[in-house]
Amino acid sequence: MIERYSNPEIAGIWTLENKFRVWLEVEIAVCEAWNTRGVISDEELSQIKTKADFQVPRILEIEEEVQHDMIAFLTNVRENVGPAGRWVHYGLTSSDVGDTALCLQMKRSGEILMERLDQLIAVVKS
């Protein structure tokens, strides 16, 4: 994005840090679904939800070696989670996570735009 033309709120949605944050959101939501189906235990889900995190510099370091952003992301998340991290990404493809996260980012950006448009319409009407 060109910074001078960007809305800070929307630009924040498209940062690398936030992309990975949304990926993690998707991964945890899937773990919660597996938990409701009895695949992941309550204890393991609790560990995932409390320990799942990442560090962008570490992801980039791993990516240099493995040449795959999702593998780098998952490796770093699992470093933080420990043994329960085996369930993170269970039954998923990279596209499942990336595409879902992209849709969430677009939806969140669109919500900001719609809110701003509603404000503009109210001003024009008055």
N, C-alpha and C. Protein backbone atom coordinates (compact mmCIF):
# COMPACT_ATOMS: atom_id res chain seq x y z
N MET A 1 0.84 -1.19 0.00
CA MET A 1 0.00 0.00 0.00
C MET A 1 0.88 1.24 0.00
N ILE A 2 0.41 2.25 -0.64
CA ILE A 2 1.12 3.52 -0.62
C ILE A 2 0.67 4.25 0.64
N GLU A 3 1.62 4.46 1.54
CA GLU A 3 1.29 4.94 2.88
C GLU A 3 0.47 6.24 2.87
N ARG A 4 0.85 7.20 2.05
CA ARG A 4 0.15 8.49 2.09
C ARG A 4 -1.30 8.40 1.61
N TYR A 5 -1.64 7.35 0.88
CA TYR A 5 -3.00 7.17 0.40
C TYR A 5 -3.78 6.15 1.23
N SER A 6 -3.14 5.62 2.25
CA SER A 6 -3.75 4.54 3.02
C SER A 6 -4.45 5.05 4.26
N ASN A 7 -5.56 4.42 4.56
CA ASN A 7 -6.24 4.64 5.82
C ASN A 7 -5.53 3.77 6.85
N PRO A 8 -5.06 4.36 7.96
CA PRO A 8 -4.29 3.57 8.93
C PRO A 8 -5.03 2.34 9.45
N GLU A 9 -6.32 2.45 9.65
CA GLU A 9 -7.12 1.32 10.15
C GLU A 9 -7.12 0.16 9.15
N ILE A 10 -7.32 0.49 7.89
CA ILE A 10 -7.35 -0.54 6.86
C ILE A 10 -5.94 -1.06 6.59
N ALA A 11 -4.97 -0.17 6.56
CA ALA A 11 -3.58 -0.59 6.32
C ALA A 11 -3.13 -1.58 7.39
N GLY A 12 -3.59 -1.39 8.62
CA GLY A 12 -3.23 -2.29 9.72
C GLY A 12 -3.73 -3.71 9.49
N ILE A 13 -4.83 -3.84 8.79
CA ILE A 13 -5.38 -5.15 8.49
C ILE A 13 -4.46 -5.93 7.54
N TRP A 14 -3.69 -5.19 6.73
CA TRP A 14 -2.89 -5.82 5.69
C TRP A 14 -1.41 -5.92 6.02
N THR A 15 -1.04 -5.69 7.28
CA THR A 15 0.36 -5.86 7.67
C THR A 15 0.71 -7.34 7.73
N LEU A 16 1.99 -7.63 7.65
CA LEU A 16 2.45 -9.01 7.76
C LEU A 16 2.11 -9.58 9.13
N GLU A 17 2.30 -8.79 10.17
CA GLU A 17 1.96 -9.21 11.53
C GLU A 17 0.50 -9.61 11.62
N ASN A 18 -0.39 -8.79 11.05
CA ASN A 18 -1.82 -9.11 11.13
C ASN A 18 -2.19 -10.30 10.26
N LYS A 19 -1.54 -10.44 9.12
CA LYS A 19 -1.81 -11.62 8.28
C LYS A 19 -1.57 -12.89 9.10
N PHE A 20 -0.44 -12.94 9.78
CA PHE A 20 -0.14 -14.12 10.61
C PHE A 20 -1.10 -14.22 11.79
N ARG A 21 -1.53 -13.09 12.33
CA ARG A 21 -2.49 -13.10 13.45
C ARG A 21 -3.80 -13.72 12.99
N VAL A 22 -4.24 -13.37 11.79
CA VAL A 22 -5.49 -13.93 11.26
C VAL A 22 -5.31 -15.41 10.92
N TRP A 23 -4.14 -15.78 10.41
CA TRP A 23 -3.87 -17.20 10.18
C TRP A 23 -4.03 -17.97 11.50
N LEU A 24 -3.48 -17.41 12.57
CA LEU A 24 -3.56 -18.07 13.87
C LEU A 24 -5.02 -18.16 14.34
N GLU A 25 -5.76 -17.11 14.09
CA GLU A 25 -7.19 -17.09 14.43
C GLU A 25 -7.93 -18.25 13.73
N VAL A 26 -7.62 -18.45 12.46
CA VAL A 26 -8.24 -19.53 11.68
C VAL A 26 -7.82 -20.88 12.24
N GLU A 27 -6.54 -21.03 12.49
CA GLU A 27 -6.02 -22.31 13.02
C GLU A 27 -6.69 -22.65 14.36
N ILE A 28 -6.81 -21.67 15.24
CA ILE A 28 -7.43 -21.92 16.55
C ILE A 28 -8.92 -22.25 16.40
N ALA A 29 -9.60 -21.58 15.50
CA ALA A 29 -11.02 -21.88 15.27
C ALA A 29 -11.20 -23.33 14.81
N VAL A 30 -10.31 -23.80 13.96
CA VAL A 30 -10.39 -25.19 13.50
C VAL A 30 -10.09 -26.14 14.65
N CYS A 31 -9.11 -25.79 15.49
CA CYS A 31 -8.83 -26.63 16.68
C CYS A 31 -10.05 -26.70 17.59
N GLU A 32 -10.76 -25.60 17.74
CA GLU A 32 -11.98 -25.60 18.55
C GLU A 32 -13.03 -26.53 17.95
N ALA A 33 -13.13 -26.53 16.64
CA ALA A 33 -14.08 -27.42 15.97
C ALA A 33 -13.69 -28.88 16.19
N TRP A 34 -12.40 -29.19 16.07
CA TRP A 34 -11.94 -30.55 16.33
C TRP A 34 -12.21 -30.95 17.78
N ASN A 35 -12.11 -30.00 18.68
CA ASN A 35 -12.39 -30.27 20.09
C ASN A 35 -13.85 -30.65 20.28
N THR A 36 -14.76 -29.95 19.62
CA THR A 36 -16.19 -30.26 19.77
C THR A 36 -16.52 -31.63 19.19
N ARG A 37 -15.67 -32.10 18.27
CA ARG A 37 -15.88 -33.43 17.67
C ARG A 37 -15.13 -34.52 18.44
N GLY A 38 -14.44 -34.13 19.51
CA GLY A 38 -13.75 -35.11 20.34
C GLY A 38 -12.37 -35.53 19.85
N VAL A 39 -11.85 -34.84 18.85
CA VAL A 39 -10.53 -35.19 18.31
C VAL A 39 -9.42 -34.59 19.17
N ILE A 40 -9.59 -33.35 19.57
CA ILE A 40 -8.61 -32.67 20.42
C ILE A 40 -9.19 -32.58 21.83
N SER A 41 -8.39 -32.97 22.82
CA SER A 41 -8.87 -32.94 24.20
C SER A 41 -9.00 -31.50 24.69
N ASP A 42 -9.79 -31.31 25.74
CA ASP A 42 -9.95 -29.99 26.34
C ASP A 42 -8.60 -29.44 26.81
N GLU A 43 -7.79 -30.31 27.40
CA GLU A 43 -6.48 -29.89 27.92
C GLU A 43 -5.57 -29.42 26.78
N GLU A 44 -5.55 -30.19 25.68
CA GLU A 44 -4.71 -29.78 24.54
C GLU A 44 -5.23 -28.49 23.91
N LEU A 45 -6.54 -28.36 23.80
CA LEU A 45 -7.09 -27.12 23.26
C LEU A 45 -6.72 -25.94 24.14
N SER A 46 -6.79 -26.12 25.43
CA SER A 46 -6.41 -25.05 26.36
C SER A 46 -4.96 -24.66 26.16
N GLN A 47 -4.08 -25.64 25.99
CA GLN A 47 -2.67 -25.35 25.76
C GLN A 47 -2.48 -24.59 24.45
N ILE A 48 -3.19 -25.01 23.43
CA ILE A 48 -3.09 -24.34 22.13
C ILE A 48 -3.54 -22.88 22.27
N LYS A 49 -4.69 -22.68 22.89
CA LYS A 49 -5.24 -21.33 22.99
C LYS A 49 -4.40 -20.40 23.86
N THR A 50 -3.76 -20.94 24.88
CA THR A 50 -2.97 -20.08 25.77
C THR A 50 -1.54 -19.87 25.29
N LYS A 51 -1.00 -20.85 24.57
CA LYS A 51 0.41 -20.76 24.17
C LYS A 51 0.64 -20.40 22.71
N ALA A 52 -0.38 -20.52 21.89
CA ALA A 52 -0.19 -20.28 20.45
C ALA A 52 0.18 -18.82 20.21
N ASP A 53 1.33 -18.63 19.65
CA ASP A 53 1.81 -17.29 19.31
C ASP A 53 2.90 -17.44 18.26
N PHE A 54 3.40 -16.33 17.79
CA PHE A 54 4.44 -16.34 16.76
C PHE A 54 5.26 -15.07 16.89
N GLN A 55 6.40 -15.08 16.25
CA GLN A 55 7.25 -13.90 16.16
C GLN A 55 7.61 -13.75 14.68
N VAL A 56 7.24 -12.63 14.10
CA VAL A 56 7.45 -12.42 12.66
C VAL A 56 8.92 -12.62 12.28
N PRO A 57 9.89 -12.06 13.02
CA PRO A 57 11.29 -12.29 12.62
C PRO A 57 11.66 -13.78 12.59
N ARG A 58 11.12 -14.55 13.53
CA ARG A 58 11.41 -15.99 13.56
C ARG A 58 10.77 -16.68 12.36
N ILE A 59 9.55 -16.29 12.00
CA ILE A 59 8.90 -16.87 10.82
C ILE A 59 9.73 -16.59 9.58
N LEU A 60 10.19 -15.36 9.44
CA LEU A 60 10.98 -14.99 8.27
C LEU A 60 12.30 -15.74 8.23
N GLU A 61 12.88 -15.97 9.39
CA GLU A 61 14.13 -16.75 9.49
C GLU A 61 13.90 -18.19 9.02
N ILE A 62 12.83 -18.80 9.50
CA ILE A 62 12.51 -20.17 9.10
C ILE A 62 12.18 -20.22 7.61
N GLU A 63 11.45 -19.22 7.14
CA GLU A 63 11.05 -19.19 5.73
C GLU A 63 12.27 -19.13 4.80
N GLU A 64 13.31 -18.45 5.22
CA GLU A 64 14.55 -18.41 4.43
C GLU A 64 15.05 -19.82 4.16
N GLU A 65 14.91 -20.68 5.16
CA GLU A 65 15.39 -22.05 5.06
C GLU A 65 14.43 -22.96 4.29
N VAL A 66 13.13 -22.89 4.63
CA VAL A 66 12.17 -23.85 4.07
C VAL A 66 11.47 -23.36 2.80
N GLN A 67 11.55 -22.06 2.52
CA GLN A 67 10.96 -21.48 1.31
C GLN A 67 9.45 -21.69 1.23
N HIS A 68 8.77 -21.62 2.38
CA HIS A 68 7.31 -21.79 2.39
C HIS A 68 6.77 -21.04 3.61
N ASP A 69 5.96 -20.02 3.35
CA ASP A 69 5.50 -19.16 4.45
C ASP A 69 4.63 -19.90 5.47
N MET A 70 3.77 -20.79 5.02
CA MET A 70 2.89 -21.49 5.95
C MET A 70 3.68 -22.47 6.82
N ILE A 71 4.61 -23.19 6.22
CA ILE A 71 5.44 -24.10 7.01
C ILE A 71 6.24 -23.32 8.04
N ALA A 72 6.77 -22.18 7.64
CA ALA A 72 7.53 -21.34 8.58
C ALA A 72 6.64 -20.86 9.72
N PHE A 73 5.45 -20.41 9.39
CA PHE A 73 4.48 -19.97 10.40
C PHE A 73 4.14 -21.10 11.36
N LEU A 74 3.79 -22.25 10.83
CA LEU A 74 3.40 -23.38 11.67
C LEU A 74 4.55 -23.87 12.54
N THR A 75 5.74 -23.86 12.01
CA THR A 75 6.92 -24.27 12.78
C THR A 75 7.09 -23.36 13.98
N ASN A 76 6.97 -22.05 13.77
CA ASN A 76 7.12 -21.11 14.87
C ASN A 76 5.99 -21.24 15.88
N VAL A 77 4.77 -21.40 15.42
CA VAL A 77 3.64 -21.58 16.35
C VAL A 77 3.87 -22.83 17.19
N ARG A 78 4.27 -23.91 16.56
CA ARG A 78 4.50 -25.17 17.29
C ARG A 78 5.65 -25.05 18.26
N GLU A 79 6.65 -24.23 17.94
CA GLU A 79 7.74 -23.98 18.89
C GLU A 79 7.19 -23.38 20.19
N ASN A 80 6.16 -22.56 20.06
CA ASN A 80 5.56 -21.90 21.22
C ASN A 80 4.57 -22.80 21.97
N VAL A 81 3.85 -23.62 21.23
CA VAL A 81 2.78 -24.43 21.83
C VAL A 81 3.33 -25.68 22.52
N GLY A 82 4.30 -26.32 21.91
CA GLY A 82 4.80 -27.58 22.45
C GLY A 82 4.04 -28.76 21.86
N PRO A 83 3.98 -29.89 22.59
CA PRO A 83 3.39 -31.13 22.04
C PRO A 83 1.96 -30.98 21.50
N ALA A 84 1.14 -30.17 22.13
CA ALA A 84 -0.24 -30.00 21.64
C ALA A 84 -0.26 -29.31 20.28
N GLY A 85 0.84 -28.72 19.89
CA GLY A 85 0.94 -28.06 18.59
C GLY A 85 0.77 -29.01 17.42
N ARG A 86 0.84 -30.31 17.70
CA ARG A 86 0.64 -31.29 16.62
C ARG A 86 -0.74 -31.17 16.01
N TRP A 87 -1.69 -30.59 16.76
CA TRP A 87 -3.06 -30.46 16.26
C TRP A 87 -3.27 -29.19 15.43
N VAL A 88 -2.35 -28.25 15.56
CA VAL A 88 -2.47 -27.01 14.77
C VAL A 88 -2.25 -27.37 13.31
N HIS A 89 -3.18 -27.05 12.47
CA HIS A 89 -3.19 -27.31 11.03
C HIS A 89 -3.69 -28.71 10.69
N TYR A 90 -4.18 -29.43 11.69
CA TYR A 90 -4.67 -30.80 11.48
C TYR A 90 -5.84 -30.79 10.49
N GLY A 91 -5.69 -31.56 9.41
CA GLY A 91 -6.75 -31.69 8.41
C GLY A 91 -6.86 -30.51 7.45
N LEU A 92 -5.90 -29.61 7.50
CA LEU A 92 -5.97 -28.40 6.67
C LEU A 92 -4.90 -28.38 5.59
N THR A 93 -5.14 -27.57 4.58
CA THR A 93 -4.10 -27.25 3.60
C THR A 93 -3.71 -25.79 3.80
N SER A 94 -2.60 -25.42 3.20
CA SER A 94 -2.18 -24.02 3.26
C SER A 94 -3.25 -23.10 2.69
N SER A 95 -3.88 -23.55 1.61
CA SER A 95 -4.93 -22.75 0.98
C SER A 95 -6.15 -22.60 1.89
N ASP A 96 -6.48 -23.63 2.65
CA ASP A 96 -7.61 -23.53 3.58
C ASP A 96 -7.40 -22.35 4.53
N VAL A 97 -6.22 -22.26 5.07
CA VAL A 97 -5.92 -21.21 6.05
C VAL A 97 -5.74 -19.87 5.34
N GLY A 98 -4.91 -19.84 4.32
CA GLY A 98 -4.62 -18.58 3.62
C GLY A 98 -5.85 -17.95 3.00
N ASP A 99 -6.66 -18.75 2.33
CA ASP A 99 -7.86 -18.22 1.67
C ASP A 99 -8.89 -17.74 2.69
N THR A 100 -9.07 -18.50 3.77
CA THR A 100 -10.02 -18.09 4.80
C THR A 100 -9.56 -16.80 5.46
N ALA A 101 -8.28 -16.73 5.76
CA ALA A 101 -7.74 -15.51 6.38
C ALA A 101 -7.87 -14.31 5.44
N LEU A 102 -7.60 -14.52 4.16
CA LEU A 102 -7.74 -13.44 3.19
C LEU A 102 -9.18 -12.93 3.15
N CYS A 103 -10.14 -13.84 3.19
CA CYS A 103 -11.55 -13.44 3.21
C CYS A 103 -11.87 -12.63 4.46
N LEU A 104 -11.32 -13.04 5.61
CA LEU A 104 -11.55 -12.29 6.84
C LEU A 104 -10.95 -10.89 6.74
N GLN A 105 -9.75 -10.79 6.17
CA GLN A 105 -9.13 -9.48 6.01
C GLN A 105 -9.95 -8.59 5.07
N MET A 106 -10.44 -9.15 3.98
CA MET A 106 -11.26 -8.36 3.06
C MET A 106 -12.56 -7.94 3.72
N LYS A 107 -13.18 -8.83 4.47
CA LYS A 107 -14.42 -8.51 5.18
C LYS A 107 -14.21 -7.38 6.17
N ARG A 108 -13.13 -7.46 6.93
CA ARG A 108 -12.84 -6.43 7.93
C ARG A 108 -12.54 -5.09 7.27
N SER A 109 -11.83 -5.11 6.17
CA SER A 109 -11.58 -3.87 5.43
C SER A 109 -12.88 -3.29 4.89
N GLY A 110 -13.72 -4.16 4.35
CA GLY A 110 -15.01 -3.73 3.81
C GLY A 110 -15.91 -3.14 4.87
N GLU A 111 -15.88 -3.70 6.07
CA GLU A 111 -16.70 -3.16 7.17
C GLU A 111 -16.28 -1.73 7.51
N ILE A 112 -14.98 -1.48 7.49
CA ILE A 112 -14.50 -0.12 7.76
C ILE A 112 -14.96 0.81 6.65
N LEU A 113 -14.84 0.37 5.40
CA LEU A 113 -15.28 1.20 4.27
C LEU A 113 -16.77 1.49 4.35
N MET A 114 -17.56 0.48 4.67
CA MET A 114 -19.01 0.68 4.77
C MET A 114 -19.36 1.66 5.90
N GLU A 115 -18.68 1.53 7.00
CA GLU A 115 -18.91 2.46 8.12
C GLU A 115 -18.58 3.89 7.70
N ARG A 116 -17.48 4.05 7.00
CA ARG A 116 -17.08 5.39 6.52
C ARG A 116 -18.08 5.93 5.49
N LEU A 117 -18.57 5.05 4.63
CA LEU A 117 -19.57 5.47 3.65
C LEU A 117 -20.86 5.91 4.33
N ASP A 118 -21.27 5.18 5.36
CA ASP A 118 -22.47 5.56 6.11
C ASP A 118 -22.28 6.94 6.74
N GLN A 119 -21.09 7.21 7.25
CA GLN A 119 -20.80 8.53 7.83
C GLN A 119 -20.86 9.61 6.76
N LEU A 120 -20.29 9.32 5.59
CA LEU A 120 -20.31 10.28 4.49
C LEU A 120 -21.74 10.56 4.02
N ILE A 121 -22.54 9.53 3.91
CA ILE A 121 -23.95 9.70 3.50
C ILE A 121 -24.69 10.57 4.51
N ALA A 122 -24.44 10.34 5.79
CA ALA A 122 -25.11 11.14 6.83
C ALA A 122 -24.71 12.61 6.73
N VAL A 123 -23.45 12.86 6.45
CA VAL A 123 -22.98 14.26 6.31
C VAL A 123 -23.59 14.90 5.07
N VAL A 124 -23.61 14.18 3.97
CA VAL A 124 -24.17 14.73 2.73
C VAL A 124 -25.66 15.01 2.89
N LYS A 125 -26.38 14.11 3.58
CA LYS A 125 -27.80 14.32 3.81
C LYS A 125 -28.06 15.56 4.66
N SER A 126 -27.20 15.79 5.64
CA SER A 126 -27.44 16.93 6.52
C SER A 126 -27.07 18.22 5.82
